Amino acid sequence: MAFQLSFAALTLLLIALLFSAFRIFREYERGVVFQLGRFWRVKGPGLVIIIPGIQQVVRVDLRTVVLDVPPQDVITRDNVSVKVNAVIYFRVLDAQRAIIQVENFLTATSQLAQTTLRAVLGKHELDELLAERERLNADIQQVLDAQTDAWGIKVANVEIKHVDLNESMIRAIAKQAEAERERRAKVIHAEGELQASEKLMQAAEMLGRQPGAMQLRYMQTLSNIAGDKSSTIVFPLPIEMLQGLAEPKR
């Protein structure tokens, strides 16, 4: 009876070991296999047979990972304190290096992204941070990609999500924007006055070259004034006409 129980237990153990030797990896997964503690090969996808007790396998996901970088306190080059958070898109290209070269590539990439975000944005002024996000995203992506290449990781994209300012800085930016609008309005008004004066000068020169045109313009002005019945028009007469009226008839 004891022999039968031992045989049954041994049989169950062998069946369990047999089933544990089979691993199935999906299309987007790879298995980094270690044999007696040393790297052997990367296997998958599909059915993979592992020798129990001799070989160990670490499963690696090759899909793109969306990593949310928590808000970071950044001091810009013009000494403005802001909070900035971002999102990073990366994926594992080399499963072997992602497991061997770094203890936990997800944690390592997250920490590296936080420090890189502060370092890169701290080299720029607030206006650049607000207006040139695409260029800053590209700068952060290049720095991260260069540093994570040794881990077999490719950083595909970096997007700055939010730039949070304190209330005093928001009011200061609003005042600056209002002053800029007033400045532009004054410049446009001054340019309009300059163009109008140039046109008036050209018109005066043309009327001065043609005395008849001056008289026609004068009569047109009188006609426009006469349209208002409440206006009193004083019409000057030439001196020659007045002298002719003053002379006695012979």
C-alpha atoms as a PDB file:
ATOM      1  CA  MET A   1       0.000   0.000   0.000  1.00  0.00           C
ATOM      2  CA  ALA A   2       2.810   2.430   0.892  1.00  0.00           C
ATOM      3  CA  PHE A   3       4.571   1.501  -2.340  1.00  0.00           C
ATOM      4  CA  GLN A   4       1.475   2.315  -4.350  1.00  0.00           C
ATOM      5  CA  LEU A   5       1.113   5.714  -2.636  1.00  0.00           C
ATOM      6  CA  SER A   6       4.765   6.534  -3.282  1.00  0.00           C
ATOM      7  CA  PHE A   7       4.412   5.528  -6.921  1.00  0.00           C
ATOM      8  CA  ALA A   8       1.288   7.664  -7.309  1.00  0.00           C
ATOM      9  CA  ALA A   9       3.013  10.653  -5.697  1.00  0.00           C
ATOM     10  CA  LEU A  10       6.040  10.215  -7.938  1.00  0.00           C
ATOM     11  CA  THR A  11       3.775   9.995 -10.962  1.00  0.00           C
ATOM     12  CA  LEU A  12       1.975  13.219 -10.035  1.00  0.00           C
ATOM     13  CA  LEU A  13       5.324  14.914  -9.471  1.00  0.00           C
ATOM     14  CA  LEU A  14       6.571  13.855 -12.888  1.00  0.00           C
ATOM     15  CA  ILE A  15       3.357  15.070 -14.520  1.00  0.00           C
ATOM     16  CA  ALA A  16       3.649  18.423 -12.733  1.00  0.00           C
ATOM     17  CA  LEU A  17       7.287  18.774 -13.860  1.00  0.00           C
ATOM     18  CA  LEU A  18       6.296  17.871 -17.388  1.00  0.00           C
ATOM     19  CA  PHE A  19       3.593  20.515 -17.519  1.00  0.00           C
ATOM     20  CA  SER A  20       5.902  23.114 -15.951  1.00  0.00           C
ATOM     21  CA  ALA A  21       8.391  22.533 -18.753  1.00  0.00           C
ATOM     22  CA  PHE A  22       5.985  23.932 -21.342  1.00  0.00           C
ATOM     23  CA  ARG A  23       5.632  27.708 -21.693  1.00  0.00           C
ATOM     24  CA  ILE A  24       3.547  29.586 -24.238  1.00  0.00           C
ATOM     25  CA  PHE A  25       4.625  33.062 -25.288  1.00  0.00           C
ATOM     26  CA  ARG A  26       2.335  35.402 -27.191  1.00  0.00           C
ATOM     27  CA  GLU A  27       3.394  37.170 -30.361  1.00  0.00           C
ATOM     28  CA  TYR A  28       4.462  40.279 -28.434  1.00  0.00           C
ATOM     29  CA  GLU A  29       6.352  38.342 -25.721  1.00  0.00           C
ATOM     30  CA  ARG A  30       9.842  36.893 -25.500  1.00  0.00           C
ATOM     31  CA  GLY A  31      11.441  34.635 -22.928  1.00  0.00           C
ATOM     32  CA  VAL A  32      14.997  35.280 -21.727  1.00  0.00           C
ATOM     33  CA  VAL A  33      16.272  31.822 -20.775  1.00  0.00           C
ATOM     34  CA  PHE A  34      19.034  31.267 -18.209  1.00  0.00           C
ATOM     35  CA  GLN A  35      20.714  27.878 -17.877  1.00  0.00           C
ATOM     36  CA  LEU A  36      22.372  27.227 -14.518  1.00  0.00           C
ATOM     37  CA  GLY A  37      22.406  30.981 -13.918  1.00  0.00           C
ATOM     38  CA  ARG A  38      24.030  31.929 -17.201  1.00  0.00           C
ATOM     39  CA  PHE A  39      22.273  33.497 -20.171  1.00  0.00           C
ATOM     40  CA  TRP A  40      21.415  30.905 -22.787  1.00  0.00           C
ATOM     41  CA  ARG A  41      19.130  32.434 -25.402  1.00  0.00           C
ATOM     42  CA  VAL A  42      15.975  34.424 -26.102  1.00  0.00           C
ATOM     43  CA  LYS A  43      13.071  32.226 -27.117  1.00  0.00           C
ATOM     44  CA  GLY A  44       9.542  32.770 -28.357  1.00  0.00           C
ATOM     45  CA  PRO A  45       6.916  33.435 -29.456  1.00  0.00           C
ATOM     46  CA  GLY A  46       4.949  30.201 -29.398  1.00  0.00           C
ATOM     47  CA  LEU A  47       5.601  26.995 -27.440  1.00  0.00           C
ATOM     48  CA  VAL A  48       8.873  26.909 -25.497  1.00  0.00           C
ATOM     49  CA  ILE A  49      10.215  23.917 -23.538  1.00  0.00           C
ATOM     50  CA  ILE A  50      12.154  24.693 -20.366  1.00  0.00           C
ATOM     51  CA  ILE A  51      14.143  22.089 -18.404  1.00  0.00           C
ATOM     52  CA  PRO A  52      12.832  22.353 -14.834  1.00  0.00           C
ATOM     53  CA  GLY A  53      15.508  22.980 -12.200  1.00  0.00           C
ATOM     54  CA  ILE A  54      18.196  23.693 -14.796  1.00  0.00           C
ATOM     55  CA  GLN A  55      16.700  26.483 -16.839  1.00  0.00           C
ATOM     56  CA  GLN A  56      14.802  29.587 -15.742  1.00  0.00           C
ATOM     57  CA  VAL A  57      12.935  31.992 -18.008  1.00  0.00           C
ATOM     58  CA  VAL A  58      12.009  35.663 -17.627  1.00  0.00           C
ATOM     59  CA  ARG A  59       9.042  36.891 -19.645  1.00  0.00           C
ATOM     60  CA  VAL A  60       9.475  40.253 -21.435  1.00  0.00           C
ATOM     61  CA  ASP A  61       6.699  42.286 -23.069  1.00  0.00           C
ATOM     62  CA  LEU A  62       7.770  43.972 -26.335  1.00  0.00           C
ATOM     63  CA  ARG A  63       4.734  46.231 -26.706  1.00  0.00           C
ATOM     64  CA  THR A  64       4.975  50.006 -26.382  1.00  0.00           C
ATOM     65  CA  VAL A  65       4.769  51.133 -22.756  1.00  0.00           C
ATOM     66  CA  VAL A  66       3.020  54.397 -21.877  1.00  0.00           C
ATOM     67  CA  LEU A  67       4.816  55.833 -18.848  1.00  0.00           C
ATOM     68  CA  ASP A  68       3.277  58.758 -16.978  1.00  0.00           C
ATOM     69  CA  VAL A  69       5.968  60.933 -15.426  1.00  0.00           C
ATOM     70  CA  PRO A  70       4.692  62.500 -12.169  1.00  0.00           C
ATOM     71  CA  PRO A  71       4.818  66.317 -11.781  1.00  0.00           C
ATOM     72  CA  GLN A  72       8.353  67.598 -11.334  1.00  0.00           C
ATOM     73  CA  ASP A  73       9.464  70.869  -9.742  1.00  0.00           C
ATOM     74  CA  VAL A  74      11.460  72.693 -12.415  1.00  0.00           C
ATOM     75  CA  ILE A  75      13.304  75.996 -12.065  1.00  0.00           C
ATOM     76  CA  THR A  76      13.680  77.584 -15.478  1.00  0.00           C
ATOM     77  CA  ARG A  77      16.688  79.545 -16.638  1.00  0.00           C
ATOM     78  CA  ASP A  78      14.937  82.828 -15.772  1.00  0.00           C
ATOM     79  CA  ASN A  79      14.357  81.570 -12.170  1.00  0.00           C
ATOM     80  CA  VAL A  80      10.655  80.721 -12.460  1.00  0.00           C
ATOM     81  CA  SER A  81       9.396  77.737 -10.462  1.00  0.00           C
ATOM     82  CA  VAL A  82       6.894  75.526 -12.305  1.00  0.00           C
ATOM     83  CA  LYS A  83       5.503  72.015 -12.063  1.00  0.00           C
ATOM     84  CA  VAL A  84       5.736  69.951 -15.225  1.00  0.00           C
ATOM     85  CA  ASN A  85       4.524  66.442 -15.967  1.00  0.00           C
ATOM     86  CA  ALA A  86       4.906  64.410 -19.135  1.00  0.00           C
ATOM     87  CA  VAL A  87       4.149  61.074 -20.769  1.00  0.00           C
ATOM     88  CA  ILE A  88       6.767  58.828 -22.390  1.00  0.00           C
ATOM     89  CA  TYR A  89       6.277  56.124 -25.013  1.00  0.00           C
ATOM     90  CA  PHE A  90       8.973  53.443 -25.169  1.00  0.00           C
ATOM     91  CA  ARG A  91       9.388  49.772 -25.996  1.00  0.00           C
ATOM     92  CA  VAL A  92      11.926  46.978 -25.495  1.00  0.00           C
ATOM     93  CA  LEU A  93      13.950  46.210 -28.608  1.00  0.00           C
ATOM     94  CA  ASP A  94      16.497  43.849 -27.051  1.00  0.00           C
ATOM     95  CA  ALA A  95      15.001  41.567 -24.391  1.00  0.00           C
ATOM     96  CA  GLN A  96      18.412  40.218 -23.394  1.00  0.00           C
ATOM     97  CA  ARG A  97      19.867  43.628 -22.511  1.00  0.00           C
ATOM     98  CA  ALA A  98      16.621  44.789 -20.881  1.00  0.00           C
ATOM     99  CA  ILE A  99      16.918  41.927 -18.362  1.00  0.00           C
ATOM    100  CA  ILE A 100      20.697  41.638 -17.954  1.00  0.00           C
ATOM    101  CA  GLN A 101      21.890  45.249 -18.107  1.00  0.00           C
ATOM    102  CA  VAL A 102      19.428  46.740 -15.603  1.00  0.00           C
ATOM    103  CA  GLU A 103      17.600  45.345 -12.599  1.00  0.00           C
ATOM    104  CA  ASN A 104      14.146  46.715 -13.457  1.00  0.00           C
ATOM    105  CA  PHE A 105      13.955  48.556 -16.757  1.00  0.00           C
ATOM    106  CA  LEU A 106      10.510  50.043 -16.016  1.00  0.00           C
ATOM    107  CA  THR A 107      11.637  51.638 -12.748  1.00  0.00           C
ATOM    108  CA  ALA A 108      14.958  52.693 -14.225  1.00  0.00           C
ATOM    109  CA  THR A 109      13.305  54.365 -17.219  1.00  0.00           C
ATOM    110  CA  SER A 110      10.816  56.148 -14.968  1.00  0.00           C
ATOM    111  CA  GLN A 111      13.528  57.555 -12.696  1.00  0.00           C
ATOM    112  CA  LEU A 112      15.694  58.551 -15.640  1.00  0.00           C
ATOM    113  CA  ALA A 113      12.743  60.322 -17.271  1.00  0.00           C
ATOM    114  CA  GLN A 114      12.130  62.400 -14.133  1.00  0.00           C
ATOM    115  CA  THR A 115      15.728  63.578 -13.825  1.00  0.00           C
ATOM    116  CA  THR A 116      16.025  64.233 -17.564  1.00  0.00           C
ATOM    117  CA  LEU A 117      12.811  66.274 -17.541  1.00  0.00           C
ATOM    118  CA  ARG A 118      14.166  68.551 -14.819  1.00  0.00           C
ATOM    119  CA  ALA A 119      17.618  68.835 -16.401  1.00  0.00           C
ATOM    120  CA  VAL A 120      16.477  69.656 -19.930  1.00  0.00           C
ATOM    121  CA  LEU A 121      13.672  72.068 -19.049  1.00  0.00           C
ATOM    122  CA  GLY A 122      15.865  73.870 -16.519  1.00  0.00           C
ATOM    123  CA  LYS A 123      18.056  75.067 -19.391  1.00  0.00           C
ATOM    124  CA  HIS A 124      15.219  77.014 -21.020  1.00  0.00           C
ATOM    125  CA  GLU A 125      13.218  80.104 -20.124  1.00  0.00           C
ATOM    126  CA  LEU A 126       9.523  80.091 -19.266  1.00  0.00           C
ATOM    127  CA  ASP A 127       8.476  81.570 -22.614  1.00  0.00           C
ATOM    128  CA  GLU A 128      10.217  78.725 -24.439  1.00  0.00           C
ATOM    129  CA  LEU A 129       8.590  76.196 -22.129  1.00  0.00           C
ATOM    130  CA  LEU A 130       5.139  77.545 -22.971  1.00  0.00           C
ATOM    131  CA  ALA A 131       5.584  78.236 -26.687  1.00  0.00           C
ATOM    132  CA  GLU A 132       8.090  75.661 -27.959  1.00  0.00           C
ATOM    133  CA  ARG A 133       6.887  72.363 -26.552  1.00  0.00           C
ATOM    134  CA  GLU A 134       7.547  70.394 -29.722  1.00  0.00           C
ATOM    135  CA  ARG A 135      11.229  71.305 -29.708  1.00  0.00           C
ATOM    136  CA  LEU A 136      11.544  70.541 -25.996  1.00  0.00           C
ATOM    137  CA  ASN A 137       9.778  67.200 -26.482  1.00  0.00           C
ATOM    138  CA  ALA A 138      12.316  66.299 -29.158  1.00  0.00           C
ATOM    139  CA  ASP A 139      15.239  67.330 -26.922  1.00  0.00           C
ATOM    140  CA  ILE A 140      14.011  65.192 -24.021  1.00  0.00           C
ATOM    141  CA  GLN A 141      13.342  62.244 -26.328  1.00  0.00           C
ATOM    142  CA  GLN A 142      16.876  62.371 -27.766  1.00  0.00           C
ATOM    143  CA  VAL A 143      18.515  62.488 -24.337  1.00  0.00           C
ATOM    144  CA  LEU A 144      16.403  59.625 -22.972  1.00  0.00           C
ATOM    145  CA  ASP A 145      16.876  57.487 -26.073  1.00  0.00           C
ATOM    146  CA  ALA A 146      20.659  57.885 -25.940  1.00  0.00           C
ATOM    147  CA  GLN A 147      20.808  56.834 -22.274  1.00  0.00           C
ATOM    148  CA  THR A 148      18.378  53.900 -22.507  1.00  0.00           C
ATOM    149  CA  ASP A 149      19.990  52.423 -25.609  1.00  0.00           C
ATOM    150  CA  ALA A 150      22.377  50.410 -23.420  1.00  0.00           C
ATOM    151  CA  TRP A 151      19.322  48.752 -21.833  1.00  0.00           C
ATOM    152  CA  GLY A 152      17.870  47.707 -25.176  1.00  0.00           C
ATOM    153  CA  ILE A 153      15.051  50.256 -24.895  1.00  0.00           C
ATOM    154  CA  LYS A 154      13.848  52.633 -27.597  1.00  0.00           C
ATOM    155  CA  VAL A 155      12.153  55.864 -26.481  1.00  0.00           C
ATOM    156  CA  ALA A 156       9.789  56.682 -29.337  1.00  0.00           C
ATOM    157  CA  ASN A 157       8.111  59.861 -28.123  1.00  0.00           C
ATOM    158  CA  VAL A 158       7.893  62.317 -25.222  1.00  0.00           C
ATOM    159  CA  GLU A 159       4.974  64.683 -24.666  1.00  0.00           C
ATOM    160  CA  ILE A 160       4.838  67.450 -22.052  1.00  0.00           C
ATOM    161  CA  LYS A 161       1.291  67.353 -20.678  1.00  0.00           C
ATOM    162  CA  HIS A 162       0.888  70.232 -18.224  1.00  0.00           C
ATOM    163  CA  VAL A 163       2.878  73.244 -17.059  1.00  0.00           C
ATOM    164  CA  ASP A 164       1.425  74.490 -13.774  1.00  0.00           C
ATOM    165  CA  LEU A 165       2.165  78.061 -12.639  1.00  0.00           C
ATOM    166  CA  ASN A 166       1.326  79.776  -9.364  1.00  0.00           C
ATOM    167  CA  GLU A 167      -1.310  82.517  -9.255  1.00  0.00           C
ATOM    168  CA  SER A 168       1.158  85.411  -9.087  1.00  0.00           C
ATOM    169  CA  MET A 169       2.970  84.191 -12.197  1.00  0.00           C
ATOM    170  CA  ILE A 170      -0.333  83.768 -14.063  1.00  0.00           C
ATOM    171  CA  ARG A 171      -1.265  87.370 -13.246  1.00  0.00           C
ATOM    172  CA  ALA A 172       2.162  88.587 -14.342  1.00  0.00           C
ATOM    173  CA  ILE A 173       1.849  86.749 -17.666  1.00  0.00           C
ATOM    174  CA  ALA A 174      -1.631  88.221 -18.186  1.00  0.00           C
ATOM    175  CA  LYS A 175      -0.286  91.750 -17.573  1.00  0.00           C
ATOM    176  CA  GLN A 176       2.577  91.104 -19.953  1.00  0.00           C
ATOM    177  CA  ALA A 177       0.174  89.893 -22.643  1.00  0.00           C
ATOM    178  CA  GLU A 178      -2.046  92.966 -22.158  1.00  0.00           C
ATOM    179  CA  ALA A 179       0.951  95.298 -22.403  1.00  0.00           C
ATOM    180  CA  GLU A 180       2.058  93.515 -25.572  1.00  0.00           C
ATOM    181  CA  ARG A 181      -1.392  93.983 -27.121  1.00  0.00           C
ATOM    182  CA  GLU A 182      -1.378  97.690 -26.248  1.00  0.00           C
ATOM    183  CA  ARG A 183       2.085  98.063 -27.747  1.00  0.00           C
ATOM    184  CA  ARG A 184       0.992  96.408 -30.978  1.00  0.00           C
ATOM    185  CA  ALA A 185      -2.116  98.614 -31.154  1.00  0.00           C
ATOM    186  CA  LYS A 186       0.007 101.754 -30.765  1.00  0.00           C
ATOM    187  CA  VAL A 187       2.462 100.581 -33.398  1.00  0.00           C
ATOM    188  CA  ILE A 188      -0.360  99.839 -35.834  1.00  0.00           C
ATOM    189  CA  HIS A 189      -1.933 103.255 -35.148  1.00  0.00           C
ATOM    190  CA  ALA A 190       1.396 105.011 -35.678  1.00  0.00           C
ATOM    191  CA  GLU A 191       1.987 103.132 -38.924  1.00  0.00           C
ATOM    192  CA  GLY A 192      -1.493 104.139 -40.086  1.00  0.00           C
ATOM    193  CA  GLU A 193      -0.797 107.807 -39.292  1.00  0.00           C
ATOM    194  CA  LEU A 194       2.507 107.616 -41.175  1.00  0.00           C
ATOM    195  CA  GLN A 195       0.893 106.118 -44.254  1.00  0.00           C
ATOM    196  CA  ALA A 196      -1.936 108.678 -44.129  1.00  0.00           C
ATOM    197  CA  SER A 197       0.524 111.574 -43.896  1.00  0.00           C
ATOM    198  CA  GLU A 198       2.498 110.207 -46.855  1.00  0.00           C
ATOM    199  CA  LYS A 199      -0.671 109.970 -48.942  1.00  0.00           C
ATOM    200  CA  LEU A 200      -1.731 113.499 -47.943  1.00  0.00           C
ATOM    201  CA  MET A 201       1.682 114.811 -48.895  1.00  0.00           C
ATOM    202  CA  GLN A 202       1.442 113.145 -52.298  1.00  0.00           C
ATOM    203  CA  ALA A 203      -2.049 114.587 -52.812  1.00  0.00           C
ATOM    204  CA  ALA A 204      -0.861 118.074 -51.859  1.00  0.00           C
ATOM    205  CA  GLU A 205       2.004 117.845 -54.334  1.00  0.00           C
ATOM    206  CA  MET A 206      -0.329 116.760 -57.118  1.00  0.00           C
ATOM    207  CA  LEU A 207      -2.852 119.543 -56.351  1.00  0.00           C
ATOM    208  CA  GLY A 208      -0.025 122.087 -56.205  1.00  0.00           C
ATOM    209  CA  ARG A 209       1.099 121.152 -59.707  1.00  0.00           C
ATOM    210  CA  GLN A 210      -2.447 121.603 -61.072  1.00  0.00           C
ATOM    211  CA  PRO A 211      -4.126 124.889 -59.922  1.00  0.00           C
ATOM    212  CA  GLY A 212      -7.378 123.932 -61.611  1.00  0.00           C
ATOM    213  CA  ALA A 213      -7.531 120.740 -59.611  1.00  0.00           C
ATOM    214  CA  MET A 214      -7.124 122.790 -56.436  1.00  0.00           C
ATOM    215  CA  GLN A 215     -10.119 124.946 -57.383  1.00  0.00           C
ATOM    216  CA  LEU A 216     -12.226 121.864 -58.150  1.00  0.00           C
ATOM    217  CA  ARG A 217     -11.307 120.359 -54.807  1.00  0.00           C
ATOM    218  CA  TYR A 218     -12.176 123.641 -53.118  1.00  0.00           C
ATOM    219  CA  MET A 219     -15.585 123.732 -54.766  1.00  0.00           C
ATOM    220  CA  GLN A 220     -16.253 120.108 -53.838  1.00  0.00           C
ATOM    221  CA  THR A 221     -15.477 120.910 -50.210  1.00  0.00           C
ATOM    222  CA  LEU A 222     -17.909 123.852 -50.293  1.00  0.00           C
ATOM    223  CA  SER A 223     -20.587 121.600 -51.791  1.00  0.00           C
ATOM    224  CA  ASN A 224     -20.133 119.093 -48.993  1.00  0.00           C
ATOM    225  CA  ILE A 225     -20.393 121.801 -46.373  1.00  0.00           C
ATOM    226  CA  ALA A 226     -23.528 123.257 -48.004  1.00  0.00           C
ATOM    227  CA  GLY A 227     -25.316 119.980 -47.483  1.00  0.00           C
ATOM    228  CA  ASP A 228     -25.674 120.866 -43.805  1.00  0.00           C
ATOM    229  CA  LYS A 229     -28.433 123.519 -43.647  1.00  0.00           C
ATOM    230  CA  SER A 230     -27.318 124.727 -40.230  1.00  0.00           C
ATOM    231  CA  SER A 231     -23.916 125.759 -41.572  1.00  0.00           C
ATOM    232  CA  THR A 232     -22.979 129.316 -42.442  1.00  0.00           C
ATOM    233  CA  ILE A 233     -20.543 129.490 -45.317  1.00  0.00           C
ATOM    234  CA  VAL A 234     -18.185 132.426 -45.724  1.00  0.00           C
ATOM    235  CA  PHE A 235     -17.117 132.375 -49.359  1.00  0.00           C
ATOM    236  CA  PRO A 236     -13.958 134.422 -50.031  1.00  0.00           C
ATOM    237  CA  LEU A 237     -13.821 136.393 -53.253  1.00  0.00           C
ATOM    238  CA  PRO A 238     -10.683 137.176 -55.211  1.00  0.00           C
ATOM    239  CA  ILE A 239      -9.148 140.610 -54.591  1.00  0.00           C
ATOM    240  CA  GLU A 240      -9.397 141.500 -58.297  1.00  0.00           C
ATOM    241  CA  MET A 241     -13.181 141.146 -58.164  1.00  0.00           C
ATOM    242  CA  LEU A 242     -13.475 143.363 -55.109  1.00  0.00           C
ATOM    243  CA  GLN A 243     -11.313 146.053 -56.706  1.00  0.00           C
ATOM    244  CA  GLY A 244     -13.523 145.989 -59.790  1.00  0.00           C
ATOM    245  CA  LEU A 245     -16.619 146.592 -57.652  1.00  0.00           C
ATOM    246  CA  ALA A 246     -14.973 149.429 -55.750  1.00  0.00           C
ATOM    247  CA  GLU A 247     -13.996 151.459 -58.852  1.00  0.00           C
ATOM    248  CA  PRO A 248     -16.510 154.311 -59.763  1.00  0.00           C
ATOM    249  CA  LYS A 249     -18.331 154.029 -63.024  1.00  0.00           C
ATOM    250  CA  ARG A 250     -17.388 156.546 -65.652  1.00  0.00           C
END
